[in-house]
Amino acid sequence: MRLDLLAESRAREFLKTLGKDHDDHGCVAVRGKVSMDTGFLIGWLLEHGHALVITKRMRLPEPVVIVRHTDTRLFGYEEFLLTDDSVIWGYGTWVS
């Protein structure tokens, strides 16, 4: 039940970051800076194929987003990269 409440809170906060207009692809873009909790949700959406990335270079959805999980004994990091290794999203995670 705690995880459901956390997911609901993250989703509600995420909806506040979305713009009002749709782009040429019918997508609504994230605007402004998002909180760490919203960042986790966006990472989950990207990793599970529920979100896409449109870059200025292609002006089309990127066909591949690479997810790199890095874990040390105390700290971890999630990176979301394009095929040219440019990082498009990332955040730190605790490792237990």
PDB file of N, CA and C in Angstrom:
ATOM      1  N   MET A   1       0.821  -1.184   0.000  1.00  0.00           N
ATOM      2  CA  MET A   1       0.000   0.000   0.000  1.00  0.00           C
ATOM      3  C   MET A   1       0.875   1.262   0.000  1.00  0.00           C
ATOM      4  N   ARG A   2       2.013   1.202   0.702  1.00  0.00           N
ATOM      5  CA  ARG A   2       2.913   2.350   0.738  1.00  0.00           C
ATOM      6  C   ARG A   2       3.439   2.676  -0.663  1.00  0.00           C
ATOM      7  N   LEU A   3       3.802   1.636  -1.418  1.00  0.00           N
ATOM      8  CA  LEU A   3       4.314   1.861  -2.778  1.00  0.00           C
ATOM      9  C   LEU A   3       3.252   2.447  -3.686  1.00  0.00           C
ATOM     10  N   ASP A   4       2.002   2.036  -3.502  1.00  0.00           N
ATOM     11  CA  ASP A   4       0.906   2.607  -4.294  1.00  0.00           C
ATOM     12  C   ASP A   4       0.735   4.088  -3.988  1.00  0.00           C
ATOM     13  N   LEU A   5       0.813   4.455  -2.727  1.00  0.00           N
ATOM     14  CA  LEU A   5       0.690   5.864  -2.344  1.00  0.00           C
ATOM     15  C   LEU A   5       1.850   6.685  -2.890  1.00  0.00           C
ATOM     16  N   LEU A   6       3.045   6.108  -2.858  1.00  0.00           N
ATOM     17  CA  LEU A   6       4.213   6.787  -3.396  1.00  0.00           C
ATOM     18  C   LEU A   6       4.070   6.987  -4.901  1.00  0.00           C
ATOM     19  N   ALA A   7       3.630   5.958  -5.616  1.00  0.00           N
ATOM     20  CA  ALA A   7       3.428   6.065  -7.068  1.00  0.00           C
ATOM     21  C   ALA A   7       2.364   7.106  -7.389  1.00  0.00           C
ATOM     22  N   GLU A   8       1.301   7.126  -6.604  1.00  0.00           N
ATOM     23  CA  GLU A   8       0.232   8.110  -6.829  1.00  0.00           C
ATOM     24  C   GLU A   8       0.743   9.526  -6.616  1.00  0.00           C
ATOM     25  N   SER A   9       1.519   9.735  -5.573  1.00  0.00           N
ATOM     26  CA  SER A   9       2.081  11.049  -5.286  1.00  0.00           C
ATOM     27  C   SER A   9       3.019  11.496  -6.408  1.00  0.00           C
ATOM     28  N   ARG A  10       3.863  10.587  -6.879  1.00  0.00           N
ATOM     29  CA  ARG A  10       4.788  10.905  -7.974  1.00  0.00           C
ATOM     30  C   ARG A  10       4.026  11.248  -9.252  1.00  0.00           C
ATOM     31  N   ALA A  11       2.996  10.487  -9.550  1.00  0.00           N
ATOM     32  CA  ALA A  11       2.210  10.736 -10.765  1.00  0.00           C
ATOM     33  C   ALA A  11       1.504  12.091 -10.686  1.00  0.00           C
ATOM     34  N   ARG A  12       0.950  12.411  -9.536  1.00  0.00           N
ATOM     35  CA  ARG A  12       0.259  13.688  -9.367  1.00  0.00           C
ATOM     36  C   ARG A  12       1.237  14.853  -9.556  1.00  0.00           C
ATOM     37  N   GLU A  13       2.423  14.722  -8.981  1.00  0.00           N
ATOM     38  CA  GLU A  13       3.437  15.761  -9.128  1.00  0.00           C
ATOM     39  C   GLU A  13       3.923  15.854 -10.575  1.00  0.00           C
ATOM     40  N   PHE A  14       4.066  14.707 -11.225  1.00  0.00           N
ATOM     41  CA  PHE A  14       4.493  14.689 -12.628  1.00  0.00           C
ATOM     42  C   PHE A  14       3.505  15.430 -13.524  1.00  0.00           C
ATOM     43  N   LEU A  15       2.226  15.223 -13.291  1.00  0.00           N
ATOM     44  CA  LEU A  15       1.205  15.886 -14.105  1.00  0.00           C
ATOM     45  C   LEU A  15       1.309  17.403 -14.008  1.00  0.00           C
ATOM     46  N   LYS A  16       1.770  17.914 -12.887  1.00  0.00           N
ATOM     47  CA  LYS A  16       1.932  19.361 -12.716  1.00  0.00           C
ATOM     48  C   LYS A  16       3.059  19.914 -13.584  1.00  0.00           C
ATOM     49  N   THR A  17       4.008  19.066 -14.010  1.00  0.00           N
ATOM     50  CA  THR A  17       5.148  19.526 -14.802  1.00  0.00           C
ATOM     51  C   THR A  17       4.860  19.519 -16.301  1.00  0.00           C
ATOM     52  N   LEU A  18       3.719  18.974 -16.699  1.00  0.00           N
ATOM     53  CA  LEU A  18       3.426  18.879 -18.127  1.00  0.00           C
ATOM     54  C   LEU A  18       2.873  20.188 -18.663  1.00  0.00           C
ATOM     55  N   GLY A  19       3.260  20.514 -19.900  1.00  0.00           N
ATOM     56  CA  GLY A  19       2.720  21.683 -20.565  1.00  0.00           C
ATOM     57  C   GLY A  19       1.267  21.450 -20.951  1.00  0.00           C
ATOM     58  N   LYS A  20       0.650  22.469 -21.480  1.00  0.00           N
ATOM     59  CA  LYS A  20      -0.761  22.376 -21.873  1.00  0.00           C
ATOM     60  C   LYS A  20      -0.923  22.011 -23.350  1.00  0.00           C
ATOM     61  N   ASP A  21       0.073  22.351 -24.166  1.00  0.00           N
ATOM     62  CA  ASP A  21      -0.028  22.156 -25.607  1.00  0.00           C
ATOM     63  C   ASP A  21       0.610  20.848 -26.050  1.00  0.00           C
ATOM     64  N   HIS A  22       0.111  20.318 -27.156  1.00  0.00           N
ATOM     65  CA  HIS A  22       0.676  19.115 -27.780  1.00  0.00           C
ATOM     66  C   HIS A  22       1.590  19.549 -28.921  1.00  0.00           C
ATOM     67  N   ASP A  23       2.663  18.794 -29.128  1.00  0.00           N
ATOM     68  CA  ASP A  23       3.561  19.106 -30.239  1.00  0.00           C
ATOM     69  C   ASP A  23       3.071  18.441 -31.519  1.00  0.00           C
ATOM     70  N   ASP A  24       3.887  18.487 -32.556  1.00  0.00           N
ATOM     71  CA  ASP A  24       3.522  17.908 -33.860  1.00  0.00           C
ATOM     72  C   ASP A  24       3.302  16.406 -33.800  1.00  0.00           C
ATOM     73  N   HIS A  25       3.843  15.756 -32.775  1.00  0.00           N
ATOM     74  CA  HIS A  25       3.709  14.309 -32.612  1.00  0.00           C
ATOM     75  C   HIS A  25       2.544  13.939 -31.702  1.00  0.00           C
ATOM     76  N   GLY A  26       1.849  14.948 -31.183  1.00  0.00           N
ATOM     77  CA  GLY A  26       0.745  14.697 -30.258  1.00  0.00           C
ATOM     78  C   GLY A  26       1.199  14.502 -28.826  1.00  0.00           C
ATOM     79  N   CYS A  27       2.459  14.835 -28.548  1.00  0.00           N
ATOM     80  CA  CYS A  27       3.021  14.643 -27.211  1.00  0.00           C
ATOM     81  C   CYS A  27       2.935  15.930 -26.396  1.00  0.00           C
ATOM     82  N   VAL A  28       2.887  15.756 -25.102  1.00  0.00           N
ATOM     83  CA  VAL A  28       2.953  16.875 -24.170  1.00  0.00           C
ATOM     84  C   VAL A  28       4.318  16.814 -23.510  1.00  0.00           C
ATOM     85  N   ALA A  29       5.060  17.909 -23.564  1.00  0.00           N
ATOM     86  CA  ALA A  29       6.423  17.922 -23.053  1.00  0.00           C
ATOM     87  C   ALA A  29       6.459  18.272 -21.571  1.00  0.00           C
ATOM     88  N   VAL A  30       7.484  17.760 -20.899  1.00  0.00           N
ATOM     89  CA  VAL A  30       7.775  18.160 -19.532  1.00  0.00           C
ATOM     90  C   VAL A  30       8.383  19.552 -19.614  1.00  0.00           C
ATOM     91  N   ARG A  31       7.893  20.461 -18.776  1.00  0.00           N
ATOM     92  CA  ARG A  31       8.438  21.816 -18.801  1.00  0.00           C
ATOM     93  C   ARG A  31       9.050  22.130 -17.447  1.00  0.00           C
ATOM     94  N   GLY A  32      10.130  22.851 -17.480  1.00  0.00           N
ATOM     95  CA  GLY A  32      10.773  23.249 -16.239  1.00  0.00           C
ATOM     96  C   GLY A  32      11.535  22.119 -15.578  1.00  0.00           C
ATOM     97  N   LYS A  33      11.970  22.400 -14.373  1.00  0.00           N
ATOM     98  CA  LYS A  33      12.745  21.429 -13.599  1.00  0.00           C
ATOM     99  C   LYS A  33      11.789  20.557 -12.797  1.00  0.00           C
ATOM    100  N   VAL A  34      12.093  19.281 -12.725  1.00  0.00           N
ATOM    101  CA  VAL A  34      11.233  18.351 -11.989  1.00  0.00           C
ATOM    102  C   VAL A  34      11.910  17.951 -10.678  1.00  0.00           C
ATOM    103  N   SER A  35      11.111  17.542  -9.719  1.00  0.00           N
ATOM    104  CA  SER A  35      11.646  17.106  -8.429  1.00  0.00           C
ATOM    105  C   SER A  35      12.336  15.752  -8.567  1.00  0.00           C
ATOM    106  N   MET A  36      13.070  15.368  -7.536  1.00  0.00           N
ATOM    107  CA  MET A  36      13.745  14.075  -7.552  1.00  0.00           C
ATOM    108  C   MET A  36      12.727  12.939  -7.656  1.00  0.00           C
ATOM    109  N   ASP A  37      11.626  13.031  -6.915  1.00  0.00           N
ATOM    110  CA  ASP A  37      10.607  11.979  -6.988  1.00  0.00           C
ATOM    111  C   ASP A  37      10.026  11.864  -8.389  1.00  0.00           C
ATOM    112  N   THR A  38       9.758  13.001  -9.023  1.00  0.00           N
ATOM    113  CA  THR A  38       9.249  12.970 -10.397  1.00  0.00           C
ATOM    114  C   THR A  38      10.297  12.398 -11.336  1.00  0.00           C
ATOM    115  N   GLY A  39      11.569  12.690 -11.071  1.00  0.00           N
ATOM    116  CA  GLY A  39      12.656  12.133 -11.870  1.00  0.00           C
ATOM    117  C   GLY A  39      12.673  10.616 -11.846  1.00  0.00           C
ATOM    118  N   PHE A  40      12.400  10.025 -10.677  1.00  0.00           N
ATOM    119  CA  PHE A  40      12.320   8.566 -10.581  1.00  0.00           C
ATOM    120  C   PHE A  40      11.189   8.026 -11.451  1.00  0.00           C
ATOM    121  N   LEU A  41      10.055   8.707 -11.433  1.00  0.00           N
ATOM    122  CA  LEU A  41       8.912   8.270 -12.247  1.00  0.00           C
ATOM    123  C   LEU A  41       9.235   8.367 -13.731  1.00  0.00           C
ATOM    124  N   ILE A  42       9.848   9.462 -14.147  1.00  0.00           N
ATOM    125  CA  ILE A  42      10.212   9.610 -15.560  1.00  0.00           C
ATOM    126  C   ILE A  42      11.197   8.518 -15.971  1.00  0.00           C
ATOM    127  N   GLY A  43      12.163   8.224 -15.115  1.00  0.00           N
ATOM    128  CA  GLY A  43      13.104   7.127 -15.399  1.00  0.00           C
ATOM    129  C   GLY A  43      12.380   5.807 -15.557  1.00  0.00           C
ATOM    130  N   TRP A  44      11.431   5.527 -14.670  1.00  0.00           N
ATOM    131  CA  TRP A  44      10.655   4.281 -14.752  1.00  0.00           C
ATOM    132  C   TRP A  44       9.863   4.241 -16.057  1.00  0.00           C
ATOM    133  N   LEU A  45       9.250   5.364 -16.425  1.00  0.00           N
ATOM    134  CA  LEU A  45       8.474   5.417 -17.672  1.00  0.00           C
ATOM    135  C   LEU A  45       9.364   5.172 -18.883  1.00  0.00           C
ATOM    136  N   LEU A  46      10.544   5.785 -18.895  1.00  0.00           N
ATOM    137  CA  LEU A  46      11.489   5.561 -20.003  1.00  0.00           C
ATOM    138  C   LEU A  46      11.937   4.110 -20.059  1.00  0.00           C
ATOM    139  N   GLU A  47      12.316   3.575 -18.906  1.00  0.00           N
ATOM    140  CA  GLU A  47      12.850   2.208 -18.870  1.00  0.00           C
ATOM    141  C   GLU A  47      11.812   1.177 -19.292  1.00  0.00           C
ATOM    142  N   HIS A  48      10.558   1.418 -19.010  1.00  0.00           N
ATOM    143  CA  HIS A  48       9.507   0.454 -19.336  1.00  0.00           C
ATOM    144  C   HIS A  48       8.780   0.762 -20.647  1.00  0.00           C
ATOM    145  N   GLY A  49       9.299   1.728 -21.412  1.00  0.00           N
ATOM    146  CA  GLY A  49       8.734   2.011 -22.728  1.00  0.00           C
ATOM    147  C   GLY A  49       7.426   2.779 -22.711  1.00  0.00           C
ATOM    148  N   HIS A  50       7.158   3.498 -21.619  1.00  0.00           N
ATOM    149  CA  HIS A  50       5.914   4.268 -21.524  1.00  0.00           C
ATOM    150  C   HIS A  50       6.126   5.746 -21.803  1.00  0.00           C
ATOM    151  N   ALA A  51       7.348   6.129 -22.125  1.00  0.00           N
ATOM    152  CA  ALA A  51       7.671   7.512 -22.478  1.00  0.00           C
ATOM    153  C   ALA A  51       8.677   7.465 -23.619  1.00  0.00           C
ATOM    154  N   LEU A  52       8.763   8.551 -24.354  1.00  0.00           N
ATOM    155  CA  LEU A  52       9.737   8.600 -25.437  1.00  0.00           C
ATOM    156  C   LEU A  52      10.490   9.903 -25.378  1.00  0.00           C
ATOM    157  N   VAL A  53      11.577   9.950 -26.131  1.00  0.00           N
ATOM    158  CA  VAL A  53      12.447  11.111 -26.163  1.00  0.00           C
ATOM    159  C   VAL A  53      12.473  11.636 -27.589  1.00  0.00           C
ATOM    160  N   ILE A  54      12.174  12.916 -27.732  1.00  0.00           N
ATOM    161  CA  ILE A  54      12.286  13.572 -29.029  1.00  0.00           C
ATOM    162  C   ILE A  54      13.389  14.612 -28.893  1.00  0.00           C
ATOM    163  N   THR A  55      14.437  14.470 -29.687  1.00  0.00           N
ATOM    164  CA  THR A  55      15.562  15.399 -29.620  1.00  0.00           C
ATOM    165  C   THR A  55      15.484  16.388 -30.767  1.00  0.00           C
ATOM    166  N   LYS A  56      16.163  17.502 -30.597  1.00  0.00           N
ATOM    167  CA  LYS A  56      16.189  18.529 -31.641  1.00  0.00           C
ATOM    168  C   LYS A  56      16.911  18.040 -32.889  1.00  0.00           C
ATOM    169  N   ARG A  57      17.881  17.139 -32.690  1.00  0.00           N
ATOM    170  CA  ARG A  57      18.663  16.691 -33.852  1.00  0.00           C
ATOM    171  C   ARG A  57      17.836  15.855 -34.817  1.00  0.00           C
ATOM    172  N   MET A  58      16.890  15.065 -34.319  1.00  0.00           N
ATOM    173  CA  MET A  58      16.094  14.213 -35.195  1.00  0.00           C
ATOM    174  C   MET A  58      14.687  14.760 -35.412  1.00  0.00           C
ATOM    175  N   ARG A  59      14.173  15.445 -34.407  1.00  0.00           N
ATOM    176  CA  ARG A  59      12.788  15.927 -34.412  1.00  0.00           C
ATOM    177  C   ARG A  59      11.782  14.796 -34.588  1.00  0.00           C
ATOM    178  N   LEU A  60      12.233  13.620 -34.234  1.00  0.00           N
ATOM    179  CA  LEU A  60      11.414  12.407 -34.233  1.00  0.00           C
ATOM    180  C   LEU A  60      11.735  11.648 -32.958  1.00  0.00           C
ATOM    181  N   PRO A  61      10.878  10.726 -32.553  1.00  0.00           N
ATOM    182  CA  PRO A  61      11.218   9.922 -31.379  1.00  0.00           C
ATOM    183  C   PRO A  61      12.515   9.148 -31.601  1.00  0.00           C
ATOM    184  N   GLU A  62      13.359   9.169 -30.603  1.00  0.00           N
ATOM    185  CA  GLU A  62      14.603   8.396 -30.669  1.00  0.00           C
ATOM    186  C   GLU A  62      14.242   6.915 -30.679  1.00  0.00           C
ATOM    187  N   PRO A  63      14.831   6.134 -31.582  1.00  0.00           N
ATOM    188  CA  PRO A  63      14.478   4.713 -31.665  1.00  0.00           C
ATOM    189  C   PRO A  63      14.983   3.878 -30.498  1.00  0.00           C
ATOM    190  N   VAL A  64      16.067   4.345 -29.834  1.00  0.00           N
ATOM    191  CA  VAL A  64      16.674   3.570 -28.755  1.00  0.00           C
ATOM    192  C   VAL A  64      17.059   4.505 -27.611  1.00  0.00           C
ATOM    193  N   VAL A  65      16.720   4.107 -26.396  1.00  0.00           N
ATOM    194  CA  VAL A  65      17.229   4.754 -25.187  1.00  0.00           C
ATOM    195  C   VAL A  65      17.918   3.661 -24.385  1.00  0.00           C
ATOM    196  N   ILE A  66      19.190   3.882 -24.077  1.00  0.00           N
ATOM    197  CA  ILE A  66      19.978   2.908 -23.337  1.00  0.00           C
ATOM    198  C   ILE A  66      19.895   3.249 -21.858  1.00  0.00           C
ATOM    199  N   VAL A  67      19.623   2.248 -21.040  1.00  0.00           N
ATOM    200  CA  VAL A  67      19.560   2.433 -19.590  1.00  0.00           C
ATOM    201  C   VAL A  67      20.792   1.785 -18.978  1.00  0.00           C
ATOM    202  N   ARG A  68      21.576   2.584 -18.257  1.00  0.00           N
ATOM    203  CA  ARG A  68      22.781   2.073 -17.624  1.00  0.00           C
ATOM    204  C   ARG A  68      22.623   2.171 -16.104  1.00  0.00           C
ATOM    205  N   HIS A  69      22.717   1.042 -15.433  1.00  0.00           N
ATOM    206  CA  HIS A  69      22.648   0.981 -13.977  1.00  0.00           C
ATOM    207  C   HIS A  69      24.071   0.859 -13.442  1.00  0.00           C
ATOM    208  N   THR A  70      24.473   1.779 -12.604  1.00  0.00           N
ATOM    209  CA  THR A  70      25.793   1.731 -11.993  1.00  0.00           C
ATOM    210  C   THR A  70      25.608   1.625 -10.486  1.00  0.00           C
ATOM    211  N   ASP A  71      26.192   0.601  -9.882  1.00  0.00           N
ATOM    212  CA  ASP A  71      26.083   0.407  -8.444  1.00  0.00           C
ATOM    213  C   ASP A  71      27.466   0.266  -7.828  1.00  0.00           C
ATOM    214  N   THR A  72      27.673   0.968  -6.731  1.00  0.00           N
ATOM    215  CA  THR A  72      28.857   0.769  -5.903  1.00  0.00           C
ATOM    216  C   THR A  72      28.350   0.205  -4.579  1.00  0.00           C
ATOM    217  N   ARG A  73      29.184   0.096  -3.626  1.00  0.00           N
ATOM    218  CA  ARG A  73      28.721  -0.448  -2.341  1.00  0.00           C
ATOM    219  C   ARG A  73      27.779   0.496  -1.613  1.00  0.00           C
ATOM    220  N   LEU A  74      27.914   1.789  -1.823  1.00  0.00           N
ATOM    221  CA  LEU A  74      27.107   2.753  -1.083  1.00  0.00           C
ATOM    222  C   LEU A  74      26.155   3.566  -1.952  1.00  0.00           C
ATOM    223  N   PHE A  75      26.438   3.682  -3.212  1.00  0.00           N
ATOM    224  CA  PHE A  75      25.696   4.607  -4.055  1.00  0.00           C
ATOM    225  C   PHE A  75      25.486   3.995  -5.428  1.00  0.00           C
ATOM    226  N   GLY A  76      24.400   4.362  -6.053  1.00  0.00           N
ATOM    227  CA  GLY A  76      24.124   3.909  -7.410  1.00  0.00           C
ATOM    228  C   GLY A  76      23.697   5.067  -8.278  1.00  0.00           C
ATOM    229  N   TYR A  77      23.655   4.823  -9.563  1.00  0.00           N
ATOM    230  CA  TYR A  77      23.251   5.864 -10.503  1.00  0.00           C
ATOM    231  C   TYR A  77      22.534   5.224 -11.678  1.00  0.00           C
ATOM    232  N   GLU A  78      21.472   5.835 -12.091  1.00  0.00           N
ATOM    233  CA  GLU A  78      20.740   5.414 -13.286  1.00  0.00           C
ATOM    234  C   GLU A  78      20.984   6.465 -14.356  1.00  0.00           C
ATOM    235  N   GLU A  79      21.443   6.047 -15.520  1.00  0.00           N
ATOM    236  CA  GLU A  79      21.655   6.960 -16.635  1.00  0.00           C
ATOM    237  C   GLU A  79      20.840   6.485 -17.829  1.00  0.00           C
ATOM    238  N   PHE A  80      20.277   7.424 -18.534  1.00  0.00           N
ATOM    239  CA  PHE A  80      19.507   7.160 -19.740  1.00  0.00           C
ATOM    240  C   PHE A  80      20.224   7.879 -20.874  1.00  0.00           C
ATOM    241  N   LEU A  81      20.710   7.098 -21.834  1.00  0.00           N
ATOM    242  CA  LEU A  81      21.568   7.633 -22.879  1.00  0.00           C
ATOM    243  C   LEU A  81      20.991   7.361 -24.263  1.00  0.00           C
ATOM    244  N   LEU A  82      21.425   8.174 -25.214  1.00  0.00           N
ATOM    245  CA  LEU A  82      21.140   7.904 -26.617  1.00  0.00           C
ATOM    246  C   LEU A  82      22.272   7.033 -27.158  1.00  0.00           C
ATOM    247  N   THR A  83      22.128   6.559 -28.374  1.00  0.00           N
ATOM    248  CA  THR A  83      23.140   5.651 -28.935  1.00  0.00           C
ATOM    249  C   THR A  83      24.494   6.323 -29.124  1.00  0.00           C
ATOM    250  N   ASP A  84      24.540   7.667 -29.150  1.00  0.00           N
ATOM    251  CA  ASP A  84      25.829   8.363 -29.262  1.00  0.00           C
ATOM    252  C   ASP A  84      26.441   8.645 -27.892  1.00  0.00           C
ATOM    253  N   ASP A  85      25.912   8.020 -26.846  1.00  0.00           N
ATOM    254  CA  ASP A  85      26.374   8.145 -25.454  1.00  0.00           C
ATOM    255  C   ASP A  85      26.041   9.478 -24.803  1.00  0.00           C
ATOM    256  N   SER A  86      25.211  10.311 -25.421  1.00  0.00           N
ATOM    257  CA  SER A  86      24.807  11.538 -24.740  1.00  0.00           C
ATOM    258  C   SER A  86      23.732  11.203 -23.710  1.00  0.00           C
ATOM    259  N   VAL A  87      23.928  11.715 -22.497  1.00  0.00           N
ATOM    260  CA  VAL A  87      23.021  11.448 -21.382  1.00  0.00           C
ATOM    261  C   VAL A  87      21.811  12.362 -21.500  1.00  0.00           C
ATOM    262  N   ILE A  88      20.615  11.764 -21.435  1.00  0.00           N
ATOM    263  CA  ILE A  88      19.394  12.560 -21.518  1.00  0.00           C
ATOM    264  C   ILE A  88      18.648  12.623 -20.193  1.00  0.00           C
ATOM    265  N   TRP A  89      18.959  11.728 -19.275  1.00  0.00           N
ATOM    266  CA  TRP A  89      18.299  11.703 -17.979  1.00  0.00           C
ATOM    267  C   TRP A  89      19.177  10.919 -17.025  1.00  0.00           C
ATOM    268  N   GLY A  90      19.089  11.201 -15.773  1.00  0.00           N
ATOM    269  CA  GLY A  90      19.849  10.443 -14.807  1.00  0.00           C
ATOM    270  C   GLY A  90      19.548  10.881 -13.390  1.00  0.00           C
ATOM    271  N   TYR A  91      19.843  10.009 -12.452  1.00  0.00           N
ATOM    272  CA  TYR A  91      19.649  10.323 -11.042  1.00  0.00           C
ATOM    273  C   TYR A  91      20.403   9.310 -10.195  1.00  0.00           C
ATOM    274  N   GLY A  92      20.701   9.716  -8.979  1.00  0.00           N
ATOM    275  CA  GLY A  92      21.380   8.845  -8.040  1.00  0.00           C
ATOM    276  C   GLY A  92      20.387   7.997  -7.268  1.00  0.00           C
ATOM    277  N   THR A  93      20.838   6.818  -6.865  1.00  0.00           N
ATOM    278  CA  THR A  93      20.012   5.915  -6.071  1.00  0.00           C
ATOM    279  C   THR A  93      20.842   5.372  -4.919  1.00  0.00           C
ATOM    280  N   TRP A  94      20.178   5.034  -3.830  1.00  0.00           N
ATOM    281  CA  TRP A  94      20.855   4.366  -2.723  1.00  0.00           C
ATOM    282  C   TRP A  94      20.938   2.879  -3.034  1.00  0.00           C
ATOM    283  N   VAL A  95      22.018   2.275  -2.649  1.00  0.00           N
ATOM    284  CA  VAL A  95      22.209   0.846  -2.831  1.00  0.00           C
ATOM    285  C   VAL A  95      22.184   0.210  -1.440  1.00  0.00           C
ATOM    286  N   SER A  96      21.377  -0.828  -1.301  1.00  0.00           N
ATOM    287  CA  SER A  96      21.342  -1.487   0.013  1.00  0.00           C
ATOM    288  C   SER A  96      21.729  -2.940  -0.090  1.00  0.00           C
TER     289      SER A  96
END
